[in-house]
Amino acid sequence: MENAHNNTQASGMQAKEFTILVALLMSIVAISIDALLPALGIIGNDLGAVTANQPQLLISMLFLGMALGQLICGPLSDALGRRPILFSGFTLYLIGTLICYQANNLEMLMIGRFIQGLGVAGPYISAISLVRDLFHGAQMARIMSLVMMIFVLVPAIAPTLGQGIMLISDWRGIFELYLVYAIILMLWIFFRLKETLPKENRIAFSTKGFYDGFKEVVTNRITASYTICMGLFFGSFIGYLNSSQQIFQVQFETGNMFSVYFGLLALVLGVSSLINSRVVERFGARHIAFRAICLVVVASAIFLTLHSFAEITLWMFMLYASVLFFCFGLLFGNVNALAMEPMGHVAGIASAIIGSVSSIMSMSIGTVIGQLYDNTLIPISGGFVIMGSLAIVIMIWAEKGRLEDLAEVGNVSA
């Protein structure tokens, strides 16, 4: 940790404070989604949703805004530095939150969520770039895993916060929580975080520069492949996320216990991320990520087949979901680090394109899976089988010709 300690001095913070801040910056996405999940059914009834699945679009709209926002925030982050983009993103997020708070129909609420998504792109892009400014290689993967470990504490408690707010207020109170959260982070950054991108390392924004950066990302086999892999398996995850309120509260009739079950699964992901942070430098990010996605596919295929022989119960789903979430903890930080590894010299543009492309893919895939929800878990488990299998094929193709990496991901023959 000595190197990590020295590196974070450039940010003006100790290593622990820096890691926590980065995790909370990334967590604004999670809290913007998960605290609202328990309220989706109520919002649908209150604002006249046409179908039971329509409120799921409040999740998808935030992802859409974030995906597009990253294309703007990434290049500007490289040109202007990390702090200006952080403050601009938070300002836009606050505007979107106020629109949501005042919304009196589902369409206006979706517009507000889209603007929120544009806003969260700033903190999310900057969080990844802050880490990339100071770390690389296995050390970056380790820091990202520690960030993810803290990051998942937010989804573990966010649904409970949302549920608690609705006990004393209505769903609009959740947007008051978002306002407070964003303001606290803005003040923290203002007083504590130094700029991590020196002026001499900045890349002036230009159309040609963006095109060149985009071309470099999409033509680099490793970066492009792992970006697509992220979009595939994260899309399956969003499909679950979109349907989670209906799965727990409608299909399994858990009522207010939804937040407890959801939080338990998030804690599984947190434990997995902690384990990953301890072993990633020893075994390698590729080795771990490849085996994790293989386990996702196998577990999902077994669970999908089980639908033909038994009635799926809550404990069966929780067992299956625990396996998935454990694998997610081994996937998210590692695959993102693998995609970013060749892009250190264009970190802002690279993180923007990687994030935007994977987010658009995952939002599209997740929306389709969510809208296919039919009070069974067949669309969810089927999505993991199909998308996970495609990700495995792409991972193998990505490492073709790199014998040392092929040995690392399971001695797959080129």
Protein backbone atom coordinates (compact mmCIF):
# COMPACT_ATOMS: atom_id res chain seq x y z
CA MET A 1 0.00 0.00 0.00
CA GLU A 2 3.06 2.28 0.22
CA ASN A 3 2.94 3.07 -3.49
CA ALA A 4 -0.78 3.74 -3.25
CA HIS A 5 -0.14 6.09 -0.34
CA ASN A 6 2.50 8.01 -2.29
CA ASN A 7 0.38 8.22 -5.43
CA THR A 8 -2.64 9.62 -3.65
CA GLN A 9 -0.59 12.45 -2.15
CA ALA A 10 -0.96 14.14 -5.54
CA SER A 11 -4.70 14.39 -4.88
CA GLY A 12 -4.16 16.16 -1.56
CA MET A 13 -5.64 13.21 0.34
CA GLN A 14 -4.52 10.14 2.21
CA ALA A 15 -5.06 6.85 0.38
CA LYS A 16 -8.11 5.85 2.45
CA GLU A 17 -9.89 9.19 2.01
CA PHE A 18 -9.16 9.17 -1.72
CA THR A 19 -10.55 5.64 -2.11
CA ILE A 20 -13.69 6.49 -0.16
CA LEU A 21 -14.30 9.68 -2.17
CA VAL A 22 -13.87 7.89 -5.50
CA ALA A 23 -16.26 5.16 -4.32
CA LEU A 24 -18.88 7.72 -3.30
CA LEU A 25 -18.50 9.57 -6.60
CA MET A 26 -19.23 6.36 -8.46
CA SER A 27 -21.99 5.58 -5.96
CA ILE A 28 -24.10 8.53 -7.04
CA VAL A 29 -25.18 6.28 -9.93
CA ALA A 30 -26.08 3.45 -7.56
CA ILE A 31 -27.98 5.60 -5.08
CA SER A 32 -29.83 7.34 -7.94
CA ILE A 33 -31.09 3.92 -9.02
CA ASP A 34 -31.40 1.76 -5.93
CA ALA A 35 -33.05 4.18 -3.52
CA LEU A 36 -35.85 4.62 -6.07
CA LEU A 37 -36.44 0.89 -6.68
CA PRO A 38 -38.87 0.31 -3.77
CA ALA A 39 -40.96 3.24 -5.03
CA LEU A 40 -41.34 2.16 -8.68
CA GLY A 41 -44.68 0.44 -8.17
CA ILE A 42 -46.05 3.37 -6.17
CA ILE A 43 -44.77 5.89 -8.74
CA GLY A 44 -46.44 3.86 -11.50
CA ASN A 45 -49.77 3.94 -9.68
CA ASP A 46 -49.42 7.59 -8.70
CA LEU A 47 -48.50 8.85 -12.18
CA GLY A 48 -50.69 6.51 -14.23
CA ALA A 49 -48.30 3.98 -15.74
CA VAL A 50 -49.82 2.16 -18.73
CA THR A 51 -48.24 -1.22 -17.89
CA ALA A 52 -46.60 -2.77 -14.82
CA ASN A 53 -43.23 -2.77 -16.61
CA GLN A 54 -43.36 0.91 -17.69
CA PRO A 55 -41.85 2.37 -14.46
CA GLN A 56 -38.72 0.33 -15.23
CA LEU A 57 -37.96 2.99 -17.85
CA LEU A 58 -37.09 5.40 -15.03
CA ILE A 59 -33.98 3.26 -14.56
CA SER A 60 -33.21 3.02 -18.27
CA MET A 61 -33.53 6.80 -18.81
CA LEU A 62 -30.86 7.50 -16.21
CA PHE A 63 -28.52 5.04 -17.94
CA LEU A 64 -29.27 6.66 -21.32
CA GLY A 65 -28.42 10.12 -20.01
CA MET A 66 -25.24 8.81 -18.41
CA ALA A 67 -24.17 7.04 -21.61
CA LEU A 68 -24.52 10.22 -23.69
CA GLY A 69 -23.08 12.44 -20.98
CA GLN A 70 -19.89 10.42 -20.83
CA LEU A 71 -19.10 11.28 -24.46
CA ILE A 72 -19.09 14.96 -23.49
CA CYS A 73 -17.49 14.71 -20.05
CA GLY A 74 -14.59 12.48 -21.12
CA PRO A 75 -12.96 14.79 -23.68
CA LEU A 76 -13.66 17.88 -21.57
CA SER A 77 -12.14 16.11 -18.55
CA ASP A 78 -8.89 15.62 -20.49
CA ALA A 79 -8.98 19.23 -21.73
CA LEU A 80 -10.04 21.12 -18.60
CA GLY A 81 -9.11 18.81 -15.75
CA ARG A 82 -11.13 16.66 -13.39
CA ARG A 83 -12.48 19.25 -10.93
CA PRO A 84 -14.38 21.45 -13.46
CA ILE A 85 -16.16 18.40 -14.85
CA LEU A 86 -17.06 17.21 -11.35
CA PHE A 87 -18.68 20.54 -10.46
CA SER A 88 -20.47 20.85 -13.83
CA GLY A 89 -21.82 17.32 -13.56
CA PHE A 90 -23.13 17.82 -10.06
CA THR A 91 -24.82 21.08 -11.07
CA LEU A 92 -26.64 19.34 -13.93
CA TYR A 93 -27.57 16.48 -11.61
CA LEU A 94 -29.15 18.92 -9.14
CA ILE A 95 -31.21 20.48 -11.96
CA GLY A 96 -32.48 17.06 -13.05
CA THR A 97 -33.29 16.14 -9.47
CA LEU A 98 -35.38 19.29 -9.02
CA ILE A 99 -37.31 18.50 -12.22
CA CYS A 100 -38.03 14.99 -10.89
CA TYR A 101 -39.15 16.42 -7.57
CA GLN A 102 -41.68 18.69 -9.29
CA ALA A 103 -42.88 16.11 -11.87
CA ASN A 104 -46.63 15.43 -12.01
CA ASN A 105 -46.57 12.86 -14.81
CA LEU A 106 -44.39 9.94 -15.81
CA GLU A 107 -43.07 11.66 -18.95
CA MET A 108 -41.75 14.66 -16.98
CA LEU A 109 -40.19 12.32 -14.44
CA MET A 110 -38.40 10.49 -17.26
CA ILE A 111 -37.04 13.80 -18.59
CA GLY A 112 -35.72 14.64 -15.14
CA ARG A 113 -34.13 11.19 -14.86
CA PHE A 114 -32.45 11.67 -18.25
CA ILE A 115 -30.97 14.99 -17.07
CA GLN A 116 -29.88 13.32 -13.83
CA GLY A 117 -28.12 10.75 -16.00
CA LEU A 118 -26.33 13.46 -17.97
CA GLY A 119 -25.21 14.89 -14.65
CA VAL A 120 -23.92 11.68 -13.06
CA ALA A 121 -21.68 11.17 -16.10
CA GLY A 122 -19.36 13.88 -14.74
CA PRO A 123 -18.67 12.28 -11.34
CA TYR A 124 -18.59 8.78 -12.82
CA ILE A 125 -16.10 9.63 -15.59
CA SER A 126 -13.99 11.72 -13.24
CA ALA A 127 -13.90 8.98 -10.60
CA ILE A 128 -12.44 6.47 -13.06
CA SER A 129 -10.04 9.04 -14.51
CA LEU A 130 -8.86 10.07 -11.03
CA VAL A 131 -7.79 6.48 -10.40
CA ARG A 132 -6.21 6.19 -13.85
CA ASP A 133 -4.28 9.45 -13.28
CA LEU A 134 -2.55 7.94 -10.26
CA PHE A 135 -2.43 4.16 -10.83
CA HIS A 136 -1.96 1.55 -13.56
CA GLY A 137 -1.79 -2.20 -14.07
CA ALA A 138 -2.57 -4.60 -11.24
CA GLN A 139 -2.38 -1.73 -8.74
CA MET A 140 -5.18 0.04 -10.59
CA ALA A 141 -7.27 -3.16 -10.54
CA ARG A 142 -6.65 -3.46 -6.80
CA ILE A 143 -7.69 0.13 -6.09
CA MET A 144 -10.77 -0.29 -8.31
CA SER A 145 -11.70 -3.41 -6.35
CA LEU A 146 -11.40 -1.51 -3.06
CA VAL A 147 -13.53 1.25 -4.60
CA MET A 148 -16.09 -1.34 -5.67
CA MET A 149 -16.10 -2.85 -2.18
CA ILE A 150 -17.12 0.51 -0.68
CA PHE A 151 -19.31 1.27 -3.69
CA VAL A 152 -21.57 -1.73 -3.04
CA LEU A 153 -22.35 -0.59 0.49
CA VAL A 154 -24.51 2.10 -1.13
CA PRO A 155 -26.79 -0.32 -3.02
CA ALA A 156 -26.88 -2.43 0.15
CA ILE A 157 -28.45 0.41 2.14
CA ALA A 158 -30.01 2.61 -0.58
CA PRO A 159 -33.25 0.60 -0.97
CA THR A 160 -33.64 0.66 2.81
CA LEU A 161 -33.18 4.44 2.76
CA GLY A 162 -35.80 4.73 0.02
CA GLN A 163 -38.17 2.45 1.92
CA GLY A 164 -37.60 4.41 5.13
CA ILE A 165 -38.22 7.75 3.44
CA MET A 166 -41.58 6.51 2.13
CA LEU A 167 -42.62 5.58 5.66
CA ILE A 168 -42.44 9.23 6.69
CA SER A 169 -42.96 10.94 3.32
CA ASP A 170 -43.81 10.02 -0.27
CA TRP A 171 -41.57 9.06 -3.19
CA ARG A 172 -40.60 12.71 -3.74
CA GLY A 173 -38.66 12.56 -0.49
CA ILE A 174 -36.20 10.24 -2.22
CA PHE A 175 -35.25 13.08 -4.54
CA GLU A 176 -34.59 15.27 -1.50
CA LEU A 177 -32.07 12.58 -0.45
CA TYR A 178 -30.39 12.92 -3.86
CA LEU A 179 -30.09 16.68 -3.41
CA VAL A 180 -28.39 16.31 -0.02
CA TYR A 181 -26.03 13.58 -1.24
CA ALA A 182 -24.87 15.64 -4.24
CA ILE A 183 -24.34 18.82 -2.20
CA ILE A 184 -22.24 16.98 0.40
CA LEU A 185 -19.98 15.52 -2.30
CA MET A 186 -19.60 18.91 -4.00
CA LEU A 187 -18.44 20.47 -0.73
CA TRP A 188 -16.04 17.59 -0.07
CA ILE A 189 -14.44 18.01 -3.50
CA PHE A 190 -14.27 21.80 -3.17
CA PHE A 191 -12.38 21.71 0.12
CA ARG A 192 -10.33 18.49 -0.13
CA LEU A 193 -9.61 17.31 -3.68
CA LYS A 194 -6.74 18.76 -5.69
CA GLU A 195 -6.56 18.56 -9.46
CA THR A 196 -4.91 15.27 -10.48
CA LEU A 197 -4.36 16.11 -14.15
CA PRO A 198 -1.48 18.62 -14.57
CA LYS A 199 -1.89 21.27 -17.26
CA GLU A 200 1.03 19.88 -19.24
CA ASN A 201 -0.76 16.51 -19.51
CA ARG A 202 -4.06 17.92 -20.73
CA ILE A 203 -5.33 17.34 -24.25
CA ALA A 204 -6.97 20.34 -25.90
CA PHE A 205 -10.49 19.49 -27.00
CA SER A 206 -10.96 19.20 -30.74
CA THR A 207 -13.14 17.20 -33.07
CA LYS A 208 -10.04 15.59 -34.55
CA GLY A 209 -8.72 14.75 -31.09
CA PHE A 210 -11.98 13.11 -30.14
CA TYR A 211 -12.09 11.21 -33.43
CA ASP A 212 -8.49 10.05 -32.96
CA GLY A 213 -9.22 8.96 -29.40
CA PHE A 214 -12.37 7.17 -30.50
CA LYS A 215 -10.49 5.44 -33.29
CA GLU A 216 -7.75 4.36 -30.90
CA VAL A 217 -10.25 2.87 -28.47
CA VAL A 218 -12.35 0.99 -31.01
CA THR A 219 -9.35 -0.32 -32.98
CA ASN A 220 -7.47 -1.60 -29.93
CA ARG A 221 -8.50 -5.24 -29.73
CA ILE A 222 -8.13 -5.53 -25.96
CA THR A 223 -9.96 -2.28 -25.12
CA ALA A 224 -12.76 -2.77 -27.65
CA SER A 225 -13.32 -6.40 -26.69
CA TYR A 226 -13.52 -5.81 -22.96
CA THR A 227 -15.78 -2.80 -23.53
CA ILE A 228 -18.22 -5.04 -25.41
CA CYS A 229 -17.94 -7.68 -22.68
CA MET A 230 -18.86 -5.04 -20.11
CA GLY A 231 -21.90 -4.05 -22.14
CA LEU A 232 -23.04 -7.67 -22.45
CA PHE A 233 -22.89 -8.87 -18.87
CA PHE A 234 -23.78 -5.49 -17.37
CA GLY A 235 -26.81 -5.44 -19.68
CA SER A 236 -27.97 -8.71 -18.14
CA PHE A 237 -27.42 -7.17 -14.72
CA ILE A 238 -29.54 -4.13 -15.63
CA GLY A 239 -32.25 -6.52 -16.81
CA TYR A 240 -32.30 -7.92 -13.28
CA LEU A 241 -32.09 -4.44 -11.76
CA ASN A 242 -35.05 -3.17 -13.80
CA SER A 243 -37.16 -6.16 -12.72
CA SER A 244 -35.94 -6.46 -9.12
CA GLN A 245 -38.84 -4.61 -7.49
CA GLN A 246 -41.36 -6.80 -9.32
CA ILE A 247 -39.36 -9.98 -8.66
CA PHE A 248 -39.25 -9.44 -4.91
CA GLN A 249 -42.44 -7.51 -4.16
CA VAL A 250 -44.80 -9.02 -6.76
CA GLN A 251 -43.49 -12.45 -7.70
CA PHE A 252 -42.20 -13.45 -4.25
CA GLU A 253 -44.45 -11.09 -2.22
CA THR A 254 -41.69 -9.89 0.12
CA GLY A 255 -43.31 -6.48 0.73
CA ASN A 256 -41.04 -4.12 2.67
CA MET A 257 -38.48 -6.92 3.05
CA PHE A 258 -37.47 -6.18 -0.55
CA SER A 259 -34.76 -3.80 0.64
CA VAL A 260 -33.35 -6.45 2.98
CA TYR A 261 -33.04 -9.13 0.29
CA PHE A 262 -31.67 -6.62 -2.21
CA GLY A 263 -29.15 -5.38 0.35
CA LEU A 264 -27.98 -8.89 1.22
CA LEU A 265 -27.15 -9.55 -2.42
CA ALA A 266 -25.25 -6.25 -2.61
CA LEU A 267 -23.21 -7.31 0.42
CA VAL A 268 -22.30 -10.55 -1.36
CA LEU A 269 -20.91 -8.39 -4.16
CA GLY A 270 -19.00 -6.34 -1.58
CA VAL A 271 -17.38 -9.42 -0.05
CA SER A 272 -16.45 -10.65 -3.50
CA SER A 273 -14.87 -7.28 -4.38
CA LEU A 274 -12.83 -7.40 -1.15
CA ILE A 275 -11.60 -10.88 -2.00
CA ASN A 276 -10.73 -9.71 -5.50
CA SER A 277 -8.69 -6.79 -4.15
CA ARG A 278 -6.60 -9.26 -2.15
CA VAL A 279 -5.95 -11.77 -4.94
CA VAL A 280 -5.99 -9.81 -8.22
CA GLU A 281 -2.27 -9.01 -8.17
CA ARG A 282 -1.47 -12.67 -7.55
CA PHE A 283 -3.77 -14.35 -10.08
CA GLY A 284 -4.34 -11.55 -12.61
CA ALA A 285 -7.48 -9.71 -13.68
CA ARG A 286 -7.92 -11.77 -16.86
CA HIS A 287 -7.67 -15.09 -15.07
CA ILE A 288 -10.28 -14.06 -12.48
CA ALA A 289 -12.70 -12.35 -14.88
CA PHE A 290 -12.73 -15.24 -17.35
CA ARG A 291 -13.57 -17.83 -14.72
CA ALA A 292 -16.20 -15.57 -13.13
CA ILE A 293 -18.14 -15.13 -16.38
CA CYS A 294 -17.92 -18.88 -17.04
CA LEU A 295 -19.48 -19.51 -13.62
CA VAL A 296 -22.26 -17.00 -14.39
CA VAL A 297 -23.15 -18.88 -17.57
CA VAL A 298 -23.07 -22.33 -15.94
CA ALA A 299 -25.13 -21.24 -12.92
CA SER A 300 -27.67 -19.46 -15.14
CA ALA A 301 -28.02 -22.45 -17.47
CA ILE A 302 -28.70 -24.73 -14.48
CA PHE A 303 -31.22 -22.26 -13.02
CA LEU A 304 -32.94 -21.82 -16.38
CA THR A 305 -33.26 -25.60 -16.78
CA LEU A 306 -34.64 -25.84 -13.25
CA HIS A 307 -37.73 -23.91 -14.38
CA SER A 308 -38.84 -27.01 -16.30
CA PHE A 309 -38.73 -29.29 -13.26
CA ALA A 310 -39.69 -27.25 -10.20
CA GLU A 311 -41.56 -24.21 -8.96
CA ILE A 312 -38.99 -21.51 -8.29
CA THR A 313 -39.06 -20.31 -4.68
CA LEU A 314 -37.48 -17.29 -3.03
CA TRP A 315 -34.65 -19.28 -1.42
CA MET A 316 -33.80 -20.90 -4.76
CA PHE A 317 -33.59 -17.49 -6.41
CA MET A 318 -31.49 -16.07 -3.57
CA LEU A 319 -29.03 -18.95 -3.86
CA TYR A 320 -28.72 -18.42 -7.61
CA ALA A 321 -28.50 -14.64 -7.28
CA SER A 322 -25.79 -14.97 -4.60
CA VAL A 323 -23.62 -16.88 -7.08
CA LEU A 324 -24.23 -14.17 -9.69
CA PHE A 325 -23.43 -11.31 -7.35
CA PHE A 326 -20.27 -13.00 -6.13
CA CYS A 327 -19.15 -13.23 -9.75
CA PHE A 328 -20.09 -9.57 -10.37
CA GLY A 329 -17.62 -8.58 -7.67
CA LEU A 330 -14.92 -10.40 -9.63
CA LEU A 331 -15.98 -8.88 -12.95
CA PHE A 332 -16.82 -5.19 -12.75
CA GLY A 333 -13.54 -3.73 -11.44
CA ASN A 334 -11.33 -6.18 -13.32
CA VAL A 335 -12.95 -5.86 -16.74
CA ASN A 336 -13.05 -2.07 -16.53
CA ALA A 337 -9.36 -2.02 -15.57
CA LEU A 338 -8.54 -4.38 -18.46
CA ALA A 339 -10.38 -2.14 -20.92
CA MET A 340 -8.61 0.98 -19.62
CA GLU A 341 -5.13 -0.49 -19.30
CA PRO A 342 -3.87 0.34 -22.83
CA MET A 343 -5.44 3.82 -22.72
CA GLY A 344 -3.43 5.62 -20.04
CA HIS A 345 -2.37 8.43 -22.40
CA VAL A 346 -6.01 9.27 -23.28
CA ALA A 347 -7.71 8.31 -20.01
CA GLY A 348 -10.55 10.83 -20.17
CA ILE A 349 -11.60 10.15 -23.76
CA ALA A 350 -11.05 6.42 -23.30
CA SER A 351 -13.15 6.19 -20.14
CA ALA A 352 -15.85 8.25 -21.87
CA ILE A 353 -16.03 6.02 -24.92
CA ILE A 354 -15.68 2.80 -22.93
CA GLY A 355 -18.36 3.95 -20.50
CA SER A 356 -20.67 5.31 -23.17
CA VAL A 357 -20.49 2.33 -25.52
CA SER A 358 -20.86 -0.22 -22.71
CA SER A 359 -23.67 1.82 -21.11
CA ILE A 360 -25.64 2.15 -24.35
CA MET A 361 -25.24 -1.58 -24.94
CA SER A 362 -26.19 -2.49 -21.38
CA MET A 363 -29.13 -0.06 -21.26
CA SER A 364 -30.53 -1.48 -24.51
CA ILE A 365 -30.03 -5.09 -23.44
CA GLY A 366 -31.30 -4.46 -19.92
CA THR A 367 -34.40 -2.60 -21.11
CA VAL A 368 -35.34 -5.46 -23.44
CA ILE A 369 -34.81 -8.07 -20.72
CA GLY A 370 -36.74 -5.97 -18.21
CA GLN A 371 -39.67 -5.39 -20.55
CA LEU A 372 -39.80 -9.15 -21.20
CA TYR A 373 -40.39 -9.77 -17.49
CA ASP A 374 -43.49 -11.98 -17.22
CA ASN A 375 -43.62 -12.83 -13.51
CA THR A 376 -41.01 -15.57 -14.05
CA LEU A 377 -37.22 -15.54 -13.93
CA ILE A 378 -36.82 -17.07 -17.39
CA PRO A 379 -35.98 -13.74 -19.14
CA ILE A 380 -33.38 -12.91 -16.46
CA SER A 381 -31.56 -16.24 -16.37
CA GLY A 382 -31.84 -16.63 -20.16
CA GLY A 383 -30.26 -13.21 -20.58
CA PHE A 384 -27.27 -14.19 -18.46
CA VAL A 385 -26.79 -17.41 -20.44
CA ILE A 386 -26.88 -15.68 -23.84
CA MET A 387 -24.94 -12.52 -22.98
CA GLY A 388 -22.44 -14.35 -20.80
CA SER A 389 -21.71 -16.89 -23.54
CA LEU A 390 -21.09 -14.10 -26.04
CA ALA A 391 -18.75 -12.40 -23.55
CA ILE A 392 -16.74 -15.62 -23.16
CA VAL A 393 -16.27 -15.91 -26.93
CA ILE A 394 -15.15 -12.28 -27.15
CA MET A 395 -12.71 -12.65 -24.24
CA ILE A 396 -11.07 -15.63 -25.94
CA TRP A 397 -10.85 -13.71 -29.22
CA ALA A 398 -9.39 -10.66 -27.44
CA GLU A 399 -6.48 -12.65 -26.05
CA LYS A 400 -5.73 -14.52 -29.29
CA GLY A 401 -2.04 -14.32 -30.12
CA ARG A 402 -1.04 -13.27 -26.59
CA LEU A 403 0.16 -16.61 -25.25
CA GLU A 404 0.95 -15.42 -21.76
CA ASP A 405 -2.58 -14.01 -21.43
CA LEU A 406 -4.17 -17.10 -22.92
CA ALA A 407 -2.43 -19.16 -20.28
CA GLU A 408 -3.75 -16.74 -17.72
CA VAL A 409 -7.38 -17.04 -18.84
CA GLY A 410 -7.42 -20.78 -18.83
CA ASN A 411 -4.90 -22.18 -21.31
CA VAL A 412 -7.29 -21.57 -24.19
CA SER A 413 -5.60 -22.51 -27.44
CA ALA A 414 -5.18 -19.76 -29.97
